[in-house]
Amino acid sequence: MAELVFYAGTMDCGKSTLALQTDHNHSSRGRTGLVFTRLDRAGESLLSSRLGLAVPAIEVGDDFDFRRYVVDRLSVGARIDYIICDEVQFYREEQVDQLARLVDELAIDVFAFGIMTDFRTHLFPGSRRLVELADRTQVLQVEALCWCGARAIHNARTIDGIMTTEGDQVLVGDVSSGGGDGAPAYEVLCRRHYRTGLTAKRAGVEHMSKAPLPFDV
């Protein structure tokens, strides 16, 4: 039986790395799939992780129709066993419905990866619809950590290291950019420090480790 599976977590929890690993695992077993993303930090039509890995992907715009795209590919003889969807929090609710139809009507596995809540702690529309429709919703086991070392459960938007709750829901930034020179960035925080707005900068600690990874990427 095909499934619609939603892998959810905060920023910096390794969801895109898992998406890449899932694609590798299935393709290495002879299955054929498609990779989709939207507003990836590395640029258009890429699925990338913070470990430096990336693969080409199909960019999902507001008007993109998953069912029509897949049916068109199948009608010319393409084989599609599974679909990888990253950054699903940015998908429209109608697009999530289309993904569910691919599972139910065409028996294609859909593996969706995304952030559950925005910088105001509200559910993204795409993530909310996935929770409502998915056969399984799995919280990623790699826990992102607040600067204090506690489990981070909130994605805080920062400007020059100071938390803000102003602005549009969708504003692409990165946890590694620092938000200097007035540029928006994000920092994962535990609930206590999100509620008090105590970011790493305000606490006077380093948010990002400067040490190199213990392996080559």
N, C-alpha and C. Protein backbone atom coordinates (compact mmCIF):
# COMPACT_ATOMS: atom_id res chain seq x y z
N MET A 1 0.83 -1.19 0.00
CA MET A 1 0.00 0.00 0.00
C MET A 1 0.87 1.25 0.00
N ALA A 2 0.57 2.17 -0.90
CA ALA A 2 1.30 3.44 -0.92
C ALA A 2 0.88 4.28 0.27
N GLU A 3 1.77 5.18 0.69
CA GLU A 3 1.52 6.01 1.87
C GLU A 3 1.88 7.46 1.60
N LEU A 4 1.20 8.35 2.33
CA LEU A 4 1.58 9.74 2.42
C LEU A 4 2.16 9.93 3.82
N VAL A 5 3.45 10.19 3.89
CA VAL A 5 4.15 10.30 5.18
C VAL A 5 4.70 11.71 5.33
N PHE A 6 4.43 12.32 6.46
CA PHE A 6 4.89 13.68 6.76
C PHE A 6 5.95 13.61 7.85
N TYR A 7 7.18 14.05 7.51
CA TYR A 7 8.28 14.14 8.47
C TYR A 7 8.41 15.61 8.88
N ALA A 8 8.15 15.90 10.14
CA ALA A 8 8.07 17.28 10.60
C ALA A 8 9.11 17.56 11.68
N GLY A 9 9.54 18.82 11.73
CA GLY A 9 10.47 19.24 12.78
C GLY A 9 10.68 20.73 12.71
N THR A 10 11.57 21.22 13.56
CA THR A 10 11.94 22.63 13.51
C THR A 10 13.03 22.83 12.46
N MET A 11 13.42 24.07 12.25
CA MET A 11 14.62 24.33 11.46
C MET A 11 15.81 23.69 12.15
N ASP A 12 16.81 23.34 11.37
CA ASP A 12 18.07 22.82 11.90
C ASP A 12 17.95 21.41 12.50
N CYS A 13 16.89 20.66 12.12
CA CYS A 13 16.73 19.32 12.69
C CYS A 13 17.10 18.23 11.70
N GLY A 14 17.55 18.61 10.50
CA GLY A 14 18.01 17.61 9.54
C GLY A 14 16.96 17.08 8.60
N LYS A 15 15.85 17.80 8.42
CA LYS A 15 14.78 17.28 7.56
C LYS A 15 15.21 17.16 6.11
N SER A 16 15.95 18.16 5.59
CA SER A 16 16.38 18.09 4.19
C SER A 16 17.44 17.00 4.00
N THR A 17 18.27 16.79 5.01
CA THR A 17 19.24 15.69 4.95
C THR A 17 18.51 14.35 4.88
N LEU A 18 17.45 14.21 5.67
CA LEU A 18 16.66 12.98 5.62
C LEU A 18 15.95 12.83 4.29
N ALA A 19 15.49 13.93 3.72
CA ALA A 19 14.86 13.86 2.39
C ALA A 19 15.85 13.33 1.35
N LEU A 20 17.08 13.85 1.40
CA LEU A 20 18.11 13.38 0.47
C LEU A 20 18.42 11.91 0.71
N GLN A 21 18.50 11.50 1.98
CA GLN A 21 18.79 10.10 2.30
C GLN A 21 17.66 9.18 1.85
N THR A 22 16.42 9.64 2.02
CA THR A 22 15.26 8.84 1.60
C THR A 22 15.28 8.63 0.09
N ASP A 23 15.57 9.70 -0.65
CA ASP A 23 15.66 9.57 -2.11
C ASP A 23 16.76 8.59 -2.48
N HIS A 24 17.91 8.69 -1.83
CA HIS A 24 19.02 7.78 -2.12
C HIS A 24 18.64 6.33 -1.83
N ASN A 25 18.02 6.09 -0.67
CA ASN A 25 17.67 4.72 -0.29
C ASN A 25 16.73 4.08 -1.29
N HIS A 26 15.73 4.83 -1.74
CA HIS A 26 14.76 4.26 -2.67
C HIS A 26 15.35 4.09 -4.08
N SER A 27 16.08 5.09 -4.54
CA SER A 27 16.65 4.99 -5.90
C SER A 27 17.71 3.90 -5.97
N SER A 28 18.44 3.68 -4.89
CA SER A 28 19.48 2.64 -4.90
C SER A 28 18.89 1.23 -4.91
N ARG A 29 17.60 1.13 -4.63
CA ARG A 29 16.92 -0.17 -4.70
C ARG A 29 16.12 -0.33 -5.99
N GLY A 30 16.43 0.53 -6.97
CA GLY A 30 15.82 0.38 -8.28
C GLY A 30 14.49 1.08 -8.45
N ARG A 31 14.07 1.85 -7.46
CA ARG A 31 12.82 2.58 -7.59
C ARG A 31 13.08 3.92 -8.28
N THR A 32 12.10 4.43 -8.99
CA THR A 32 12.23 5.67 -9.72
C THR A 32 11.34 6.73 -9.07
N GLY A 33 11.93 7.89 -8.79
CA GLY A 33 11.16 8.92 -8.10
C GLY A 33 11.38 10.31 -8.66
N LEU A 34 10.61 11.24 -8.12
CA LEU A 34 10.72 12.65 -8.44
C LEU A 34 11.00 13.41 -7.15
N VAL A 35 11.78 14.50 -7.27
CA VAL A 35 12.11 15.33 -6.12
C VAL A 35 11.57 16.74 -6.35
N PHE A 36 10.80 17.23 -5.38
CA PHE A 36 10.22 18.56 -5.46
C PHE A 36 10.65 19.39 -4.26
N THR A 37 10.71 20.70 -4.45
CA THR A 37 10.99 21.60 -3.33
C THR A 37 10.40 22.96 -3.64
N ARG A 38 10.45 23.84 -2.65
CA ARG A 38 9.95 25.21 -2.82
C ARG A 38 10.75 26.15 -1.92
N LEU A 39 11.33 27.17 -2.51
CA LEU A 39 12.04 28.21 -1.76
C LEU A 39 13.18 27.65 -0.92
N ASP A 40 13.95 26.73 -1.49
CA ASP A 40 15.12 26.20 -0.79
C ASP A 40 16.14 27.31 -0.58
N ARG A 41 16.86 27.25 0.55
CA ARG A 41 17.83 28.30 0.88
C ARG A 41 18.96 28.40 -0.15
N ALA A 42 19.22 27.31 -0.90
CA ALA A 42 20.32 27.29 -1.86
C ALA A 42 19.92 27.86 -3.21
N GLY A 43 18.64 28.14 -3.40
CA GLY A 43 18.19 28.68 -4.67
C GLY A 43 17.11 27.84 -5.31
N GLU A 44 16.66 28.28 -6.46
CA GLU A 44 15.55 27.63 -7.15
C GLU A 44 15.96 26.27 -7.71
N SER A 45 15.02 25.33 -7.66
CA SER A 45 15.17 23.99 -8.26
C SER A 45 16.32 23.20 -7.64
N LEU A 46 16.52 23.36 -6.34
CA LEU A 46 17.52 22.58 -5.61
C LEU A 46 16.93 22.10 -4.29
N LEU A 47 17.28 20.88 -3.90
CA LEU A 47 17.02 20.40 -2.56
C LEU A 47 18.38 20.29 -1.89
N SER A 48 18.61 21.08 -0.85
CA SER A 48 19.93 21.13 -0.22
C SER A 48 19.83 20.94 1.28
N SER A 49 20.92 20.44 1.86
CA SER A 49 21.01 20.33 3.31
C SER A 49 22.16 21.19 3.80
N ARG A 50 22.16 21.45 5.10
CA ARG A 50 23.23 22.28 5.68
C ARG A 50 24.56 21.55 5.76
N LEU A 51 24.56 20.24 5.45
CA LEU A 51 25.82 19.49 5.40
C LEU A 51 26.55 19.71 4.08
N GLY A 52 25.95 20.48 3.17
CA GLY A 52 26.59 20.78 1.90
C GLY A 52 26.16 19.88 0.76
N LEU A 53 25.20 19.00 1.00
CA LEU A 53 24.71 18.10 -0.04
C LEU A 53 23.53 18.73 -0.76
N ALA A 54 23.38 18.43 -2.05
CA ALA A 54 22.28 18.99 -2.82
C ALA A 54 22.01 18.13 -4.04
N VAL A 55 20.75 18.12 -4.49
CA VAL A 55 20.36 17.44 -5.73
C VAL A 55 19.41 18.36 -6.49
N PRO A 56 19.35 18.24 -7.81
CA PRO A 56 18.36 19.00 -8.57
C PRO A 56 16.95 18.61 -8.15
N ALA A 57 16.05 19.57 -8.20
CA ALA A 57 14.66 19.32 -7.81
C ALA A 57 13.73 20.14 -8.69
N ILE A 58 12.48 19.77 -8.71
CA ILE A 58 11.45 20.51 -9.44
C ILE A 58 10.87 21.56 -8.51
N GLU A 59 10.93 22.82 -8.93
CA GLU A 59 10.44 23.92 -8.09
C GLU A 59 8.91 23.96 -8.13
N VAL A 60 8.31 24.05 -6.96
CA VAL A 60 6.85 24.08 -6.83
C VAL A 60 6.39 25.53 -6.69
N GLY A 61 5.75 26.05 -7.72
CA GLY A 61 5.20 27.39 -7.66
C GLY A 61 3.76 27.37 -7.17
N ASP A 62 3.16 28.54 -7.01
CA ASP A 62 1.79 28.63 -6.51
C ASP A 62 0.80 27.91 -7.41
N ASP A 63 1.06 27.91 -8.73
CA ASP A 63 0.12 27.32 -9.68
C ASP A 63 0.46 25.88 -10.05
N PHE A 64 1.48 25.31 -9.41
CA PHE A 64 1.90 23.96 -9.77
C PHE A 64 0.82 22.96 -9.39
N ASP A 65 0.53 22.02 -10.30
CA ASP A 65 -0.46 20.97 -10.08
C ASP A 65 0.25 19.62 -10.09
N PHE A 66 0.40 19.01 -8.93
CA PHE A 66 1.12 17.75 -8.81
C PHE A 66 0.45 16.64 -9.62
N ARG A 67 -0.86 16.56 -9.51
CA ARG A 67 -1.54 15.47 -10.20
C ARG A 67 -1.39 15.59 -11.71
N ARG A 68 -1.58 16.79 -12.23
CA ARG A 68 -1.44 16.98 -13.67
C ARG A 68 -0.02 16.68 -14.13
N TYR A 69 0.98 17.12 -13.37
CA TYR A 69 2.37 16.89 -13.75
C TYR A 69 2.67 15.40 -13.79
N VAL A 70 2.25 14.69 -12.76
CA VAL A 70 2.56 13.26 -12.68
C VAL A 70 1.81 12.48 -13.76
N VAL A 71 0.54 12.79 -13.96
CA VAL A 71 -0.24 12.09 -14.99
C VAL A 71 0.36 12.34 -16.37
N ASP A 72 0.80 13.56 -16.64
CA ASP A 72 1.44 13.85 -17.92
C ASP A 72 2.70 13.02 -18.11
N ARG A 73 3.49 12.86 -17.04
CA ARG A 73 4.71 12.05 -17.13
C ARG A 73 4.37 10.58 -17.36
N LEU A 74 3.39 10.08 -16.65
CA LEU A 74 3.00 8.67 -16.80
C LEU A 74 2.43 8.39 -18.19
N SER A 75 1.73 9.37 -18.77
CA SER A 75 1.08 9.17 -20.06
C SER A 75 2.08 9.02 -21.21
N VAL A 76 3.32 9.47 -20.99
CA VAL A 76 4.35 9.32 -22.03
C VAL A 76 5.32 8.18 -21.68
N GLY A 77 4.93 7.34 -20.74
CA GLY A 77 5.70 6.15 -20.45
C GLY A 77 6.66 6.24 -19.30
N ALA A 78 6.67 7.34 -18.56
CA ALA A 78 7.57 7.46 -17.41
C ALA A 78 7.12 6.54 -16.28
N ARG A 79 8.07 6.14 -15.47
CA ARG A 79 7.76 5.33 -14.29
C ARG A 79 8.00 6.19 -13.05
N ILE A 80 7.04 6.21 -12.15
CA ILE A 80 7.16 6.98 -10.91
C ILE A 80 6.69 6.11 -9.75
N ASP A 81 7.63 5.71 -8.90
CA ASP A 81 7.31 4.87 -7.75
C ASP A 81 7.11 5.68 -6.47
N TYR A 82 7.80 6.80 -6.39
CA TYR A 82 7.73 7.60 -5.16
C TYR A 82 8.00 9.06 -5.48
N ILE A 83 7.63 9.92 -4.55
CA ILE A 83 7.86 11.35 -4.68
C ILE A 83 8.44 11.88 -3.37
N ILE A 84 9.48 12.69 -3.47
CA ILE A 84 10.07 13.39 -2.33
C ILE A 84 9.64 14.85 -2.41
N CYS A 85 9.05 15.37 -1.35
CA CYS A 85 8.62 16.77 -1.31
C CYS A 85 9.26 17.46 -0.11
N ASP A 86 10.14 18.41 -0.38
CA ASP A 86 10.77 19.15 0.71
C ASP A 86 10.16 20.54 0.82
N GLU A 87 10.33 21.17 1.98
CA GLU A 87 9.79 22.51 2.27
C GLU A 87 8.28 22.54 2.06
N VAL A 88 7.60 21.49 2.50
CA VAL A 88 6.17 21.39 2.25
C VAL A 88 5.35 22.41 3.04
N GLN A 89 5.96 23.03 4.03
CA GLN A 89 5.23 24.07 4.76
C GLN A 89 4.82 25.22 3.83
N PHE A 90 5.54 25.38 2.72
CA PHE A 90 5.24 26.47 1.78
C PHE A 90 4.24 26.06 0.70
N TYR A 91 3.83 24.79 0.66
CA TYR A 91 2.88 24.34 -0.34
C TYR A 91 1.47 24.85 0.01
N ARG A 92 0.65 25.04 -1.01
CA ARG A 92 -0.74 25.40 -0.77
C ARG A 92 -1.52 24.16 -0.32
N GLU A 93 -2.60 24.38 0.40
CA GLU A 93 -3.41 23.27 0.88
C GLU A 93 -3.92 22.41 -0.28
N GLU A 94 -4.28 23.04 -1.40
CA GLU A 94 -4.76 22.30 -2.56
C GLU A 94 -3.68 21.38 -3.11
N GLN A 95 -2.42 21.80 -3.01
CA GLN A 95 -1.33 20.96 -3.50
C GLN A 95 -1.13 19.74 -2.61
N VAL A 96 -1.35 19.89 -1.31
CA VAL A 96 -1.28 18.73 -0.42
C VAL A 96 -2.41 17.75 -0.75
N ASP A 97 -3.59 18.28 -1.06
CA ASP A 97 -4.69 17.42 -1.49
C ASP A 97 -4.31 16.64 -2.75
N GLN A 98 -3.62 17.29 -3.68
CA GLN A 98 -3.18 16.63 -4.90
C GLN A 98 -2.21 15.49 -4.59
N LEU A 99 -1.33 15.70 -3.64
CA LEU A 99 -0.39 14.65 -3.24
C LEU A 99 -1.14 13.45 -2.67
N ALA A 100 -2.15 13.71 -1.87
CA ALA A 100 -2.94 12.61 -1.30
C ALA A 100 -3.63 11.82 -2.40
N ARG A 101 -4.09 12.49 -3.43
CA ARG A 101 -4.75 11.80 -4.55
C ARG A 101 -3.76 10.91 -5.30
N LEU A 102 -2.51 11.35 -5.41
CA LEU A 102 -1.50 10.51 -6.08
C LEU A 102 -1.29 9.21 -5.32
N VAL A 103 -1.33 9.29 -4.00
CA VAL A 103 -1.18 8.08 -3.18
C VAL A 103 -2.38 7.17 -3.37
N ASP A 104 -3.58 7.72 -3.26
CA ASP A 104 -4.79 6.91 -3.26
C ASP A 104 -5.16 6.39 -4.64
N GLU A 105 -4.96 7.20 -5.68
CA GLU A 105 -5.43 6.84 -7.01
C GLU A 105 -4.37 6.18 -7.88
N LEU A 106 -3.08 6.54 -7.64
CA LEU A 106 -2.02 6.02 -8.50
C LEU A 106 -1.00 5.16 -7.75
N ALA A 107 -1.22 4.95 -6.45
CA ALA A 107 -0.36 4.09 -5.63
C ALA A 107 1.10 4.53 -5.65
N ILE A 108 1.32 5.84 -5.59
CA ILE A 108 2.67 6.40 -5.54
C ILE A 108 2.96 6.84 -4.11
N ASP A 109 4.07 6.39 -3.55
CA ASP A 109 4.47 6.82 -2.21
C ASP A 109 4.87 8.29 -2.24
N VAL A 110 4.41 9.05 -1.26
CA VAL A 110 4.80 10.45 -1.13
C VAL A 110 5.44 10.65 0.24
N PHE A 111 6.68 11.14 0.25
CA PHE A 111 7.41 11.43 1.47
C PHE A 111 7.59 12.94 1.56
N ALA A 112 6.91 13.56 2.51
CA ALA A 112 6.90 15.01 2.64
C ALA A 112 7.71 15.44 3.86
N PHE A 113 8.48 16.51 3.69
CA PHE A 113 9.37 17.00 4.75
C PHE A 113 9.14 18.49 4.94
N GLY A 114 8.95 18.91 6.19
CA GLY A 114 8.72 20.33 6.39
C GLY A 114 8.73 20.76 7.84
N ILE A 115 8.67 22.08 8.01
CA ILE A 115 8.58 22.71 9.32
C ILE A 115 7.11 22.78 9.72
N MET A 116 6.83 22.51 10.96
CA MET A 116 5.44 22.49 11.40
C MET A 116 4.87 23.89 11.62
N THR A 117 5.60 24.75 12.33
CA THR A 117 5.06 26.05 12.71
C THR A 117 5.96 27.19 12.27
N ASP A 118 5.37 28.39 12.14
CA ASP A 118 6.11 29.55 11.69
C ASP A 118 6.74 30.30 12.87
N PHE A 119 7.28 31.48 12.60
CA PHE A 119 8.00 32.22 13.63
C PHE A 119 7.08 32.82 14.69
N ARG A 120 5.77 32.72 14.47
CA ARG A 120 4.80 33.15 15.50
C ARG A 120 4.19 31.94 16.23
N THR A 121 4.71 30.76 15.99
CA THR A 121 4.26 29.48 16.55
C THR A 121 2.93 29.03 15.97
N HIS A 122 2.51 29.55 14.82
CA HIS A 122 1.28 29.13 14.16
C HIS A 122 1.60 28.10 13.09
N LEU A 123 0.69 27.16 12.89
CA LEU A 123 0.89 26.14 11.86
C LEU A 123 0.92 26.77 10.47
N PHE A 124 1.89 26.33 9.65
CA PHE A 124 1.85 26.68 8.24
C PHE A 124 0.65 25.96 7.60
N PRO A 125 -0.02 26.59 6.63
CA PRO A 125 -1.17 25.93 5.98
C PRO A 125 -0.83 24.57 5.38
N GLY A 126 0.30 24.47 4.68
CA GLY A 126 0.67 23.20 4.08
C GLY A 126 0.92 22.12 5.12
N SER A 127 1.57 22.49 6.22
CA SER A 127 1.84 21.52 7.29
C SER A 127 0.55 21.11 7.99
N ARG A 128 -0.33 22.06 8.22
CA ARG A 128 -1.61 21.73 8.85
C ARG A 128 -2.39 20.73 8.00
N ARG A 129 -2.43 20.95 6.69
CA ARG A 129 -3.17 20.04 5.82
C ARG A 129 -2.53 18.65 5.80
N LEU A 130 -1.22 18.59 5.87
CA LEU A 130 -0.55 17.29 5.91
C LEU A 130 -0.88 16.54 7.20
N VAL A 131 -0.92 17.24 8.31
CA VAL A 131 -1.31 16.59 9.57
C VAL A 131 -2.72 16.01 9.45
N GLU A 132 -3.60 16.73 8.74
CA GLU A 132 -4.98 16.28 8.58
C GLU A 132 -5.10 15.07 7.65
N LEU A 133 -4.21 14.96 6.66
CA LEU A 133 -4.37 13.94 5.62
C LEU A 133 -3.36 12.80 5.66
N ALA A 134 -2.21 13.00 6.24
CA ALA A 134 -1.13 12.02 6.14
C ALA A 134 -1.50 10.69 6.79
N ASP A 135 -1.03 9.60 6.18
CA ASP A 135 -1.16 8.29 6.82
C ASP A 135 -0.34 8.22 8.09
N ARG A 136 0.82 8.87 8.06
CA ARG A 136 1.67 8.93 9.25
C ARG A 136 2.32 10.31 9.33
N THR A 137 2.39 10.86 10.52
CA THR A 137 3.17 12.06 10.78
C THR A 137 4.25 11.71 11.79
N GLN A 138 5.51 11.91 11.40
CA GLN A 138 6.62 11.54 12.26
C GLN A 138 7.45 12.78 12.60
N VAL A 139 7.63 13.01 13.89
CA VAL A 139 8.51 14.08 14.34
C VAL A 139 9.94 13.58 14.26
N LEU A 140 10.80 14.35 13.62
CA LEU A 140 12.18 13.90 13.41
C LEU A 140 12.88 13.71 14.73
N GLN A 141 13.65 12.64 14.84
CA GLN A 141 14.28 12.27 16.10
C GLN A 141 15.55 13.06 16.39
N VAL A 142 16.13 13.69 15.35
CA VAL A 142 17.30 14.54 15.59
C VAL A 142 16.80 15.87 16.12
N GLU A 143 16.99 16.11 17.41
CA GLU A 143 16.44 17.31 18.03
C GLU A 143 17.35 18.51 17.81
N ALA A 144 16.75 19.60 17.32
CA ALA A 144 17.49 20.86 17.28
C ALA A 144 17.58 21.39 18.71
N LEU A 145 18.67 22.09 19.00
CA LEU A 145 18.91 22.57 20.36
C LEU A 145 18.91 24.08 20.42
N CYS A 146 18.28 24.61 21.45
CA CYS A 146 18.36 26.02 21.77
C CYS A 146 19.78 26.35 22.21
N TRP A 147 20.13 27.64 22.21
CA TRP A 147 21.48 28.03 22.64
C TRP A 147 21.77 27.58 24.07
N CYS A 148 20.72 27.35 24.87
CA CYS A 148 20.91 26.94 26.27
C CYS A 148 21.14 25.45 26.40
N GLY A 149 20.94 24.70 25.30
CA GLY A 149 21.12 23.26 25.33
C GLY A 149 19.84 22.47 25.46
N ALA A 150 18.73 23.15 25.76
CA ALA A 150 17.44 22.47 25.84
C ALA A 150 16.90 22.20 24.45
N ARG A 151 15.92 21.31 24.37
CA ARG A 151 15.31 20.99 23.09
C ARG A 151 14.63 22.23 22.52
N ALA A 152 14.94 22.55 21.25
CA ALA A 152 14.33 23.70 20.59
C ALA A 152 13.06 23.25 19.89
N ILE A 153 11.96 23.97 20.14
CA ILE A 153 10.69 23.61 19.52
C ILE A 153 10.08 24.77 18.76
N HIS A 154 10.73 25.94 18.77
CA HIS A 154 10.18 27.10 18.09
C HIS A 154 11.21 27.70 17.13
N ASN A 155 10.72 28.22 15.99
CA ASN A 155 11.56 28.88 15.01
C ASN A 155 11.40 30.39 15.16
N ALA A 156 12.39 31.04 15.71
CA ALA A 156 12.32 32.48 15.95
C ALA A 156 12.94 33.23 14.77
N ARG A 157 12.26 34.29 14.32
CA ARG A 157 12.83 35.17 13.31
C ARG A 157 13.60 36.27 14.03
N THR A 158 14.81 36.57 13.53
CA THR A 158 15.65 37.58 14.17
C THR A 158 16.12 38.62 13.15
N ILE A 159 16.34 39.81 13.65
CA ILE A 159 16.98 40.89 12.90
C ILE A 159 18.15 41.37 13.73
N ASP A 160 19.35 41.22 13.19
CA ASP A 160 20.56 41.56 13.94
C ASP A 160 20.59 40.86 15.30
N GLY A 161 20.12 39.62 15.32
CA GLY A 161 20.17 38.83 16.54
C GLY A 161 19.07 39.09 17.54
N ILE A 162 18.13 39.98 17.19
CA ILE A 162 17.03 40.31 18.09
C ILE A 162 15.74 39.71 17.53
N MET A 163 14.99 39.02 18.36
CA MET A 163 13.79 38.34 17.90
C MET A 163 12.70 39.33 17.52
N THR A 164 11.98 39.00 16.43
CA THR A 164 10.87 39.82 15.99
C THR A 164 9.68 38.93 15.66
N THR A 165 8.48 39.45 15.86
CA THR A 165 7.27 38.72 15.47
C THR A 165 6.50 39.50 14.41
N GLU A 166 7.19 40.39 13.72
CA GLU A 166 6.58 41.19 12.67
C GLU A 166 6.96 40.65 11.30
N GLY A 167 6.08 40.88 10.31
CA GLY A 167 6.39 40.53 8.94
C GLY A 167 5.53 39.42 8.39
N ASP A 168 5.74 39.11 7.11
CA ASP A 168 4.98 38.07 6.43
C ASP A 168 5.33 36.69 6.99
N GLN A 169 4.40 35.76 6.85
CA GLN A 169 4.64 34.41 7.34
C GLN A 169 5.80 33.76 6.61
N VAL A 170 5.86 33.93 5.29
CA VAL A 170 6.91 33.31 4.48
C VAL A 170 7.97 34.35 4.16
N LEU A 171 9.15 34.16 4.71
CA LEU A 171 10.29 35.02 4.46
C LEU A 171 11.52 34.15 4.62
N VAL A 172 12.15 33.80 3.51
CA VAL A 172 13.20 32.80 3.53
C VAL A 172 14.47 33.37 4.15
N GLY A 173 15.00 32.68 5.11
CA GLY A 173 16.27 33.02 5.75
C GLY A 173 16.97 31.74 6.14
N ASP A 174 17.96 31.84 7.02
CA ASP A 174 18.72 30.66 7.40
C ASP A 174 19.17 30.80 8.83
N VAL A 175 19.34 29.66 9.51
CA VAL A 175 19.84 29.70 10.88
C VAL A 175 21.33 30.00 10.93
N SER A 176 22.02 29.92 9.80
CA SER A 176 23.46 30.13 9.80
C SER A 176 23.86 31.53 9.36
N SER A 177 22.89 32.35 8.93
CA SER A 177 23.25 33.65 8.38
C SER A 177 23.50 34.71 9.43
N GLY A 178 22.93 34.52 10.62
CA GLY A 178 23.18 35.47 11.70
C GLY A 178 22.31 36.70 11.66
N GLY A 179 21.73 37.02 10.52
CA GLY A 179 20.85 38.17 10.44
C GLY A 179 21.56 39.50 10.60
N GLY A 180 22.80 39.59 10.18
CA GLY A 180 23.52 40.85 10.30
C GLY A 180 23.07 41.88 9.28
N ASP A 181 23.41 43.14 9.51
CA ASP A 181 23.09 44.24 8.60
C ASP A 181 21.60 44.34 8.32
N GLY A 182 20.78 43.99 9.31
CA GLY A 182 19.34 44.11 9.16
C GLY A 182 18.68 43.03 8.35
N ALA A 183 19.42 42.01 7.91
CA ALA A 183 18.84 40.92 7.13
C ALA A 183 18.12 39.95 8.05
N PRO A 184 16.98 39.41 7.62
CA PRO A 184 16.26 38.45 8.47
C PRO A 184 17.00 37.12 8.55
N ALA A 185 16.95 36.51 9.70
CA ALA A 185 17.53 35.19 9.91
C ALA A 185 16.63 34.45 10.88
N TYR A 186 16.98 33.22 11.17
CA TYR A 186 16.17 32.41 12.08
C TYR A 186 17.07 31.74 13.11
N GLU A 187 16.48 31.52 14.27
CA GLU A 187 17.18 30.84 15.35
C GLU A 187 16.17 29.93 16.05
N VAL A 188 16.56 28.70 16.30
CA VAL A 188 15.66 27.79 17.01
C VAL A 188 15.82 27.99 18.51
N LEU A 189 14.70 28.06 19.22
CA LEU A 189 14.70 28.34 20.65
C LEU A 189 13.80 27.35 21.39
N CYS A 190 14.11 27.11 22.66
CA CYS A 190 13.19 26.37 23.51
C CYS A 190 12.00 27.28 23.82
N ARG A 191 10.93 26.70 24.36
CA ARG A 191 9.73 27.50 24.62
C ARG A 191 9.99 28.64 25.60
N ARG A 192 10.77 28.38 26.63
CA ARG A 192 11.02 29.41 27.65
C ARG A 192 11.73 30.60 27.05
N HIS A 193 12.74 30.37 26.24
CA HIS A 193 13.49 31.49 25.68
C HIS A 193 12.78 32.13 24.49
N TYR A 194 11.90 31.35 23.82
CA TYR A 194 11.06 31.98 22.80
C TYR A 194 10.08 32.95 23.46
N ARG A 195 9.46 32.53 24.56
CA ARG A 195 8.47 33.36 25.24
C ARG A 195 9.09 34.65 25.77
N THR A 196 10.34 34.59 26.20
CA THR A 196 11.00 35.79 26.72
C THR A 196 11.82 36.54 25.67
N GLY A 197 11.89 35.98 24.45
CA GLY A 197 12.65 36.63 23.39
C GLY A 197 14.14 36.65 23.63
N LEU A 198 14.64 35.69 24.40
CA LEU A 198 16.06 35.67 24.75
C LEU A 198 16.84 34.86 23.72
N THR A 199 17.37 35.54 22.71
CA THR A 199 18.16 34.90 21.67
C THR A 199 19.60 34.71 22.14
N ALA A 200 20.37 34.00 21.33
CA ALA A 200 21.78 33.79 21.69
C ALA A 200 22.53 35.11 21.81
N LYS A 201 22.23 36.04 20.90
CA LYS A 201 22.92 37.33 20.95
C LYS A 201 22.60 38.08 22.22
N ARG A 202 21.33 38.11 22.61
CA ARG A 202 20.94 38.80 23.83
C ARG A 202 21.53 38.13 25.06
N ALA A 203 21.70 36.79 24.97
CA ALA A 203 22.28 36.06 26.09
C ALA A 203 23.80 36.14 26.11
N GLY A 204 24.39 36.67 25.02
CA GLY A 204 25.84 36.82 24.96
C GLY A 204 26.59 35.54 24.72
N VAL A 205 25.96 34.61 23.96
CA VAL A 205 26.63 33.34 23.65
C VAL A 205 26.65 33.16 22.15
N GLU A 206 27.51 32.26 21.68
CA GLU A 206 27.59 31.95 20.26
C GLU A 206 26.45 31.02 19.89
N HIS A 207 25.70 31.39 18.85
CA HIS A 207 24.59 30.56 18.38
C HIS A 207 25.09 29.40 17.54
N MET A 208 26.03 29.66 16.63
CA MET A 208 26.50 28.63 15.72
C MET A 208 27.92 28.22 16.07
N SER A 209 28.17 26.92 16.09
CA SER A 209 29.52 26.43 16.33
C SER A 209 30.43 26.81 15.17
N LYS A 210 31.63 27.25 15.47
CA LYS A 210 32.60 27.60 14.43
C LYS A 210 33.53 26.42 14.11
N ALA A 211 33.38 25.32 14.84
CA ALA A 211 34.25 24.17 14.62
C ALA A 211 33.86 23.46 13.33
N PRO A 212 34.84 22.89 12.60
CA PRO A 212 34.51 22.17 11.36
C PRO A 212 33.80 20.87 11.69
N LEU A 213 33.05 20.36 10.71
CA LEU A 213 32.42 19.05 10.88
C LEU A 213 33.50 17.98 10.98
N PRO A 214 33.22 16.92 11.72
CA PRO A 214 34.24 15.86 11.90
C PRO A 214 34.31 14.90 10.72
N PHE A 215 33.85 15.32 9.55
CA PHE A 215 33.91 14.48 8.36
C PHE A 215 33.84 15.39 7.14
N ASP A 216 34.23 14.85 6.00
CA ASP A 216 34.18 15.60 4.76
C ASP A 216 32.78 15.54 4.17
N VAL A 217 32.35 16.64 3.54
CA VAL A 217 31.05 16.66 2.87
C VAL A 217 31.26 17.05 1.41
